[in-house]
């Protein structure tokens, strides 16, 4: 808890002053002397009152004063609340190595199927966007709640050459920034104040790749930009180790299409890639941004990874002034002090 007007706390010096004044007043009361024929009769007739009843109203008054001073200091509290506008960006590697058939029917088709199941499992009010990256990255589908649009976008993804993991992260941040004013665009060039460590916006990036960055911005530099904006990046390494399986970019066709329409890439079957997953970089990206890294070597494992992502735990952090709470407590203590004084120490 922080205080906006902390100098007001000097008013707590009034507490010991009030106590001292209360003691002085009690001691300066002049005793009255009246003659009675029987002391036992006086004792029987005099009302009995315990010491704590005598002083409790004043103690409640001190509590009220203390609470009122705290209210004047304007305390604020950081509160974590459920987010109502969660955004998920699926950033998918569509480099040519995704045509590998080490995972049936190939890596790309398997990733498509898992992504579609993941989309279906999300709440209807969760906005989901699709970013694809090869030699460069594009927003294939801006964040939307329209599941039909998302499914059509996933189904139409094809492959291209090279791998720009860092560009995939930046374009994901760009997609988020278009819907969340709290996330500045990475292409704006403006300097931003990084969010405190452990504080995040209600948006995540799920980045799936089967290789290493071969072009574009350094993935770790892009990850730092995501971390500064409070965007968590969950990375998925997809593929088997020491893959020697043949390539097939169109496993469901009866012939090889020499031209892939997406990104101007080429090729049906043929060719092999020996490049392995850069797990160290993917782990560092996840660690820097508050996400986590997962390895999937089969369609079933990939589906399990998607199912385990913490997409139901979106929260936002707000700073709220709570001075009204202390003011209400002060009012309660004052009312209690007055009521108890009237009951235990009536004037008439």
Protein backbone atom coordinates (compact mmCIF):
# COMPACT_ATOMS: atom_id res chain seq x y z
CA UNK A 1 0.00 0.00 0.00
CA UNK A 2 1.30 3.45 -0.96
CA UNK A 3 0.28 6.93 0.20
CA UNK A 4 -0.27 9.85 -2.16
CA UNK A 5 -0.21 12.48 0.61
CA UNK A 6 2.20 10.97 3.12
CA UNK A 7 3.00 14.27 4.97
CA UNK A 8 -0.50 14.05 6.45
CA UNK A 9 0.84 11.27 8.68
CA UNK A 10 2.39 13.95 10.89
CA UNK A 11 -1.14 14.45 12.23
CA UNK A 12 -0.68 11.19 14.15
CA UNK A 13 1.09 13.38 16.69
CA UNK A 14 -2.39 14.43 17.78
CA UNK A 15 -2.98 10.94 19.21
CA UNK A 16 -0.58 11.18 22.18
CA UNK A 17 -1.63 14.83 22.68
CA UNK A 18 -5.28 13.72 22.93
CA UNK A 19 -4.38 10.97 25.37
CA UNK A 20 -2.47 13.43 27.56
CA UNK A 21 -5.38 15.88 27.49
CA UNK A 22 -7.79 13.10 28.41
CA UNK A 23 -5.68 12.12 31.44
CA UNK A 24 -5.40 15.72 32.59
CA UNK A 25 -9.17 16.22 32.35
CA UNK A 26 -9.83 13.09 34.41
CA UNK A 27 -7.45 14.17 37.16
CA UNK A 28 -8.77 17.73 37.37
CA UNK A 29 -12.36 16.69 38.08
CA UNK A 30 -13.37 18.13 41.46
CA UNK A 31 -14.76 15.55 43.88
CA UNK A 32 -18.08 16.28 45.54
CA UNK A 33 -18.47 15.49 49.27
CA UNK A 34 -21.89 14.69 50.72
CA UNK A 35 -22.62 13.44 54.22
CA UNK A 36 -24.51 10.18 54.58
CA UNK A 37 -25.41 8.32 57.69
CA UNK A 38 -24.54 4.90 56.27
CA UNK A 39 -21.57 4.13 53.94
CA UNK A 40 -23.01 0.69 53.11
CA UNK A 41 -26.18 2.33 51.89
CA UNK A 42 -24.16 4.51 49.51
CA UNK A 43 -22.31 1.52 48.11
CA UNK A 44 -25.55 -0.34 47.46
CA UNK A 45 -27.20 2.60 45.73
CA UNK A 46 -24.26 3.72 43.59
CA UNK A 47 -24.24 2.31 40.00
CA UNK A 48 -21.33 -0.01 39.26
CA UNK A 49 -19.31 0.68 36.13
CA UNK A 50 -16.16 -1.11 35.05
CA UNK A 51 -13.11 0.90 34.06
CA UNK A 52 -13.09 -0.40 30.45
CA UNK A 53 -16.64 0.86 29.92
CA UNK A 54 -15.58 4.20 31.21
CA UNK A 55 -12.67 4.56 28.78
CA UNK A 56 -13.82 2.55 25.75
CA UNK A 57 -15.64 5.46 24.03
CA UNK A 58 -12.49 7.55 24.16
CA UNK A 59 -10.44 4.62 22.81
CA UNK A 60 -12.91 4.31 19.90
CA UNK A 61 -12.53 8.04 19.30
CA UNK A 62 -8.76 7.59 18.98
CA UNK A 63 -9.27 4.77 16.48
CA UNK A 64 -11.62 6.97 14.48
CA UNK A 65 -9.06 9.79 14.47
CA UNK A 66 -6.31 7.41 13.31
CA UNK A 67 -8.46 6.00 10.51
CA UNK A 68 -9.46 9.50 9.41
CA UNK A 69 -5.81 10.56 9.21
CA UNK A 70 -5.05 7.51 7.06
CA UNK A 71 -7.94 8.48 4.81
CA UNK A 72 -6.55 12.00 4.42
CA UNK A 73 -3.19 10.51 3.38
CA UNK A 74 -4.96 8.99 0.34
CA UNK A 75 -3.73 5.38 0.43
CA UNK A 76 -3.69 3.44 -2.85
CA UNK A 77 -3.56 -0.29 -3.40
CA UNK A 78 -2.50 -2.38 -6.40
CA UNK A 79 -5.40 -4.71 -7.22
CA UNK A 80 -5.33 -7.67 -9.62
CA UNK A 81 -8.63 -8.14 -11.43
CA UNK A 82 -9.90 -10.59 -14.08
CA UNK A 83 -9.54 -9.17 -17.58
CA UNK A 84 -12.62 -8.82 -19.74
CA UNK A 85 -10.79 -8.22 -23.04
CA UNK A 86 -8.22 -11.02 -23.30
CA UNK A 87 -6.27 -11.30 -26.55
CA UNK A 88 -4.30 -14.29 -27.85
CA UNK A 89 -2.00 -14.09 -30.85
CA UNK A 90 -1.02 -17.34 -32.56
CA UNK A 91 2.33 -16.67 -34.24
CA UNK A 92 3.03 -19.60 -36.55
CA UNK A 93 6.24 -20.44 -38.41
CA UNK A 94 5.44 -21.13 -42.08
CA UNK A 95 9.01 -21.67 -43.26
CA UNK A 96 9.70 -24.44 -45.78
CA UNK A 97 10.91 -26.81 -43.05
CA UNK A 98 7.29 -27.01 -41.85
CA UNK A 99 6.73 -29.25 -44.91
CA UNK A 100 8.70 -32.04 -43.23
CA UNK A 101 6.74 -35.29 -42.94
CA UNK A 102 8.42 -36.48 -39.76
CA UNK A 103 5.07 -35.61 -38.14
CA UNK A 104 2.12 -36.91 -40.15
CA UNK A 105 0.96 -35.65 -42.61
CA UNK A 106 3.51 -32.85 -42.24
CA UNK A 107 4.41 -30.34 -39.55
CA UNK A 108 2.32 -27.53 -40.97
CA UNK A 109 -0.90 -29.53 -41.34
CA UNK A 110 -0.46 -30.96 -37.86
CA UNK A 111 0.09 -27.45 -36.46
CA UNK A 112 -3.04 -26.25 -38.28
CA UNK A 113 -5.15 -29.00 -36.73
CA UNK A 114 -3.86 -28.26 -33.22
CA UNK A 115 -4.41 -24.51 -33.68
CA UNK A 116 -8.00 -25.07 -34.81
CA UNK A 117 -8.74 -27.20 -31.73
CA UNK A 118 -7.13 -24.58 -29.54
CA UNK A 119 -9.31 -21.84 -31.03
CA UNK A 120 -12.46 -23.88 -30.49
CA UNK A 121 -11.61 -24.40 -26.82
CA UNK A 122 -11.37 -20.67 -25.99
CA UNK A 123 -14.15 -18.55 -24.50
CA UNK A 124 -16.34 -16.90 -27.09
CA UNK A 125 -15.36 -13.39 -25.93
CA UNK A 126 -11.61 -14.05 -26.20
CA UNK A 127 -10.07 -12.23 -29.16
CA UNK A 128 -7.67 -14.36 -31.19
CA UNK A 129 -5.35 -13.17 -33.94
CA UNK A 130 -3.14 -15.03 -36.41
CA UNK A 131 0.40 -13.97 -37.35
CA UNK A 132 2.49 -16.01 -39.80
CA UNK A 133 6.18 -15.60 -40.43
CA UNK A 134 8.77 -16.96 -42.82
CA UNK A 135 11.24 -14.50 -44.39
CA UNK A 136 9.06 -11.75 -42.93
CA UNK A 137 5.89 -11.63 -40.83
CA UNK A 138 2.34 -10.52 -41.56
CA UNK A 139 -0.90 -10.30 -39.63
CA UNK A 140 -2.95 -12.94 -41.42
CA UNK A 141 -5.98 -12.23 -39.24
CA UNK A 142 -6.31 -9.32 -36.76
CA UNK A 143 -7.69 -10.29 -33.33
CA UNK A 144 -11.34 -11.24 -33.60
CA UNK A 145 -14.00 -13.33 -31.89
CA UNK A 146 -15.28 -14.61 -35.27
CA UNK A 147 -14.28 -18.29 -35.21
CA UNK A 148 -15.21 -18.78 -38.86
CA UNK A 149 -12.72 -16.13 -39.96
CA UNK A 150 -10.02 -17.68 -37.81
CA UNK A 151 -10.69 -21.17 -39.18
CA UNK A 152 -10.56 -19.94 -42.79
CA UNK A 153 -7.28 -18.14 -42.09
CA UNK A 154 -5.69 -21.23 -40.56
CA UNK A 155 -6.81 -23.45 -43.42
CA UNK A 156 -5.29 -21.11 -46.04
CA UNK A 157 -1.80 -20.94 -44.51
CA UNK A 158 1.01 -22.20 -46.78
CA UNK A 159 4.79 -22.09 -46.60
CA UNK A 160 7.60 -19.78 -47.74
CA UNK A 161 11.37 -19.51 -47.44
CA UNK A 162 13.56 -18.56 -44.47
CA UNK A 163 12.64 -18.02 -40.81
CA UNK A 164 12.25 -14.66 -39.02
CA UNK A 165 11.29 -15.54 -35.45
CA UNK A 166 11.96 -12.04 -34.15
CA UNK A 167 9.73 -10.53 -36.83
CA UNK A 168 6.98 -12.92 -35.76
CA UNK A 169 7.17 -11.52 -32.23
CA UNK A 170 7.18 -7.90 -33.39
CA UNK A 171 4.22 -8.38 -35.70
CA UNK A 172 2.34 -10.08 -32.84
CA UNK A 173 2.98 -7.02 -30.66
CA UNK A 174 1.74 -4.83 -33.52
CA UNK A 175 -1.49 -6.87 -33.72
CA UNK A 176 -2.02 -6.45 -29.96
CA UNK A 177 -1.26 -2.71 -30.05
CA UNK A 178 -4.05 -2.13 -32.57
CA UNK A 179 -6.57 -3.32 -29.99
CA UNK A 180 -4.94 -2.29 -26.72
CA UNK A 181 -3.84 1.31 -26.15
CA UNK A 182 -1.66 0.17 -23.25
CA UNK A 183 0.62 -1.73 -25.66
CA UNK A 184 2.64 0.69 -27.86
CA UNK A 185 3.43 -0.42 -31.40
CA UNK A 186 6.98 -1.80 -31.75
CA UNK A 187 7.27 0.11 -35.03
CA UNK A 188 6.38 3.53 -33.58
CA UNK A 189 9.95 4.29 -32.55
CA UNK A 190 8.77 5.86 -29.29
CA UNK A 191 10.52 5.14 -26.01
CA UNK A 192 8.34 3.41 -23.47
CA UNK A 193 8.49 2.95 -19.72
CA UNK A 194 8.81 -0.81 -19.09
CA UNK A 195 6.12 -2.30 -16.89
CA UNK A 196 7.25 -3.46 -13.43
CA UNK A 197 8.51 -7.02 -13.31
CA UNK A 198 5.64 -9.47 -12.89
CA UNK A 199 3.02 -7.08 -14.25
CA UNK A 200 1.39 -8.09 -17.53
CA UNK A 201 -1.26 -6.90 -19.96
CA UNK A 202 -4.23 -9.22 -20.75
CA UNK A 203 -2.62 -10.53 -23.93
CA UNK A 204 -0.24 -13.36 -24.78
CA UNK A 205 1.65 -14.57 -27.82
CA UNK A 206 1.85 -18.28 -28.60
CA UNK A 207 4.82 -18.69 -30.93
CA UNK A 208 5.30 -22.00 -32.76
CA UNK A 209 8.45 -22.73 -34.75
CA UNK A 210 10.45 -25.74 -35.91
CA UNK A 211 13.81 -24.11 -36.54
CA UNK A 212 16.14 -21.20 -35.86
CA UNK A 213 16.06 -17.58 -36.94
CA UNK A 214 17.77 -17.04 -40.30
CA UNK A 215 16.75 -13.44 -40.99
CA UNK A 216 15.16 -10.37 -39.45
CA UNK A 217 15.58 -8.83 -36.01
CA UNK A 218 17.29 -10.80 -33.25
CA UNK A 219 14.57 -12.84 -31.48
CA UNK A 220 15.93 -11.88 -28.06
CA UNK A 221 15.75 -8.19 -28.94
CA UNK A 222 12.13 -8.67 -29.98
CA UNK A 223 11.50 -10.60 -26.77
CA UNK A 224 12.81 -7.68 -24.72
CA UNK A 225 10.34 -5.39 -26.47
CA UNK A 226 7.56 -7.80 -25.53
CA UNK A 227 8.77 -7.94 -21.93
CA UNK A 228 8.85 -4.12 -21.69
CA UNK A 229 5.20 -4.07 -22.79
CA UNK A 230 4.12 -6.77 -20.35
CA UNK A 231 3.26 -9.26 -23.10
CA UNK A 232 4.02 -12.88 -22.23
CA UNK A 233 5.35 -15.09 -25.03
CA UNK A 234 4.81 -18.85 -24.81
CA UNK A 235 7.15 -20.63 -27.20
CA UNK A 236 6.65 -24.06 -28.78
CA UNK A 237 9.42 -26.01 -30.50
CA UNK A 238 7.75 -28.37 -32.97
CA UNK A 239 9.46 -31.28 -34.74
CA UNK A 240 11.57 -34.35 -34.13
CA UNK A 241 15.31 -34.54 -33.48
CA UNK A 242 17.68 -35.42 -36.35
CA UNK A 243 14.88 -35.32 -38.87
CA UNK A 244 15.58 -37.09 -42.17
CA UNK A 245 11.98 -37.36 -43.37
CA UNK A 246 11.14 -36.16 -46.92
CA UNK A 247 9.46 -32.83 -47.58
CA UNK A 248 5.88 -32.60 -48.79
CA UNK A 249 4.19 -29.20 -48.69
CA UNK A 250 0.90 -30.46 -50.11
CA UNK A 251 0.37 -33.94 -48.64
CA UNK A 252 -3.32 -34.11 -49.57
CA UNK A 253 -2.82 -33.38 -53.30
CA UNK A 254 -2.32 -36.06 -55.97
CA UNK A 255 0.40 -33.97 -57.64
CA UNK A 256 3.06 -31.47 -56.66
CA UNK A 257 2.14 -27.84 -57.09
CA UNK A 258 5.34 -26.00 -58.17
CA UNK A 259 4.04 -22.68 -56.80
CA UNK A 260 2.75 -22.07 -53.32
CA UNK A 261 0.46 -19.01 -53.40
CA UNK A 262 1.48 -17.70 -49.98
CA UNK A 263 4.54 -15.43 -49.84
CA UNK A 264 5.48 -16.46 -53.40
CA UNK A 265 7.13 -19.59 -52.08
CA UNK A 266 7.67 -22.61 -54.29
CA UNK A 267 7.57 -26.31 -54.26
CA UNK A 268 5.63 -29.43 -53.58
CA UNK A 269 7.72 -32.41 -52.51
CA UNK A 270 11.47 -32.93 -52.51
CA UNK A 271 14.30 -31.50 -50.47
CA UNK A 272 15.25 -32.01 -46.85
CA UNK A 273 16.19 -29.72 -43.96
CA UNK A 274 18.70 -30.71 -41.31
CA UNK A 275 18.21 -27.62 -39.17
CA UNK A 276 17.19 -28.37 -35.57
CA UNK A 277 15.03 -26.38 -33.12
CA UNK A 278 16.86 -23.54 -31.35
CA UNK A 279 15.55 -24.55 -27.94
CA UNK A 280 17.95 -22.31 -26.02
CA UNK A 281 16.65 -19.17 -27.73
CA UNK A 282 13.02 -20.25 -27.33
CA UNK A 283 13.59 -20.88 -23.62
CA UNK A 284 15.18 -17.44 -23.19
CA UNK A 285 12.32 -15.73 -25.04
CA UNK A 286 9.80 -17.38 -22.72
CA UNK A 287 11.85 -16.65 -19.60
CA UNK A 288 12.38 -12.98 -20.49
CA UNK A 289 8.67 -12.36 -21.07
CA UNK A 290 7.15 -14.43 -18.24
CA UNK A 291 5.95 -17.24 -20.49
CA UNK A 292 7.15 -20.83 -20.78
CA UNK A 293 8.77 -23.09 -23.37
CA UNK A 294 7.33 -26.38 -24.58
CA UNK A 295 8.71 -29.06 -26.91
CA UNK A 296 6.28 -31.10 -29.04
CA UNK A 297 7.52 -34.02 -31.15
CA UNK A 298 4.14 -35.31 -32.31
CA UNK A 299 0.64 -34.12 -33.11
CA UNK A 300 -0.62 -35.45 -29.77
CA UNK A 301 2.12 -33.66 -27.83
CA UNK A 302 1.40 -30.42 -29.66
CA UNK A 303 -2.28 -30.67 -28.78
CA UNK A 304 -1.35 -31.27 -25.14
CA UNK A 305 0.86 -28.17 -25.18
CA UNK A 306 -1.98 -26.03 -26.54
CA UNK A 307 -4.37 -27.46 -23.94
CA UNK A 308 -1.95 -26.63 -21.10
CA UNK A 309 -1.49 -22.96 -21.98
CA UNK A 310 -2.79 -20.68 -19.15
CA UNK A 311 -5.26 -18.81 -21.34
CA UNK A 312 -7.99 -18.75 -18.66
CA UNK A 313 -5.89 -16.76 -16.18
CA UNK A 314 -5.81 -13.34 -17.83
CA UNK A 315 -5.66 -10.56 -15.26
CA UNK A 316 -5.02 -6.84 -15.22
CA UNK A 317 -3.37 -4.81 -12.47
CA UNK A 318 -5.00 -1.56 -11.40
CA UNK A 319 -4.00 1.05 -8.84
CA UNK A 320 -7.03 2.00 -6.77
CA UNK A 321 -7.37 4.69 -4.09
CA UNK A 322 -8.86 3.18 -0.93
CA UNK A 323 -9.18 6.28 1.26
CA UNK A 324 -12.96 5.86 1.32
CA UNK A 325 -12.50 2.60 3.23
CA UNK A 326 -10.59 4.32 6.03
CA UNK A 327 -13.15 7.15 6.08
CA UNK A 328 -15.96 4.63 6.47
CA UNK A 329 -14.11 2.89 9.32
CA UNK A 330 -13.62 6.25 11.05
CA UNK A 331 -17.33 6.99 10.77
CA UNK A 332 -18.21 3.61 12.29
CA UNK A 333 -15.90 4.17 15.27
CA UNK A 334 -17.30 7.64 15.87
CA UNK A 335 -20.89 6.39 15.86
CA UNK A 336 -19.98 3.56 18.24
CA UNK A 337 -18.19 5.96 20.59
CA UNK A 338 -21.23 8.26 20.72
CA UNK A 339 -23.72 5.43 21.24
CA UNK A 340 -21.70 3.79 24.00
CA UNK A 341 -21.19 7.13 25.75
CA UNK A 342 -24.97 7.76 25.73
CA UNK A 343 -25.69 4.25 27.05
CA UNK A 344 -23.00 3.97 29.71
CA UNK A 345 -22.59 7.63 30.64
CA UNK A 346 -26.00 9.29 30.19
CA UNK A 347 -26.19 13.01 30.84
CA UNK A 348 -29.57 12.76 32.55
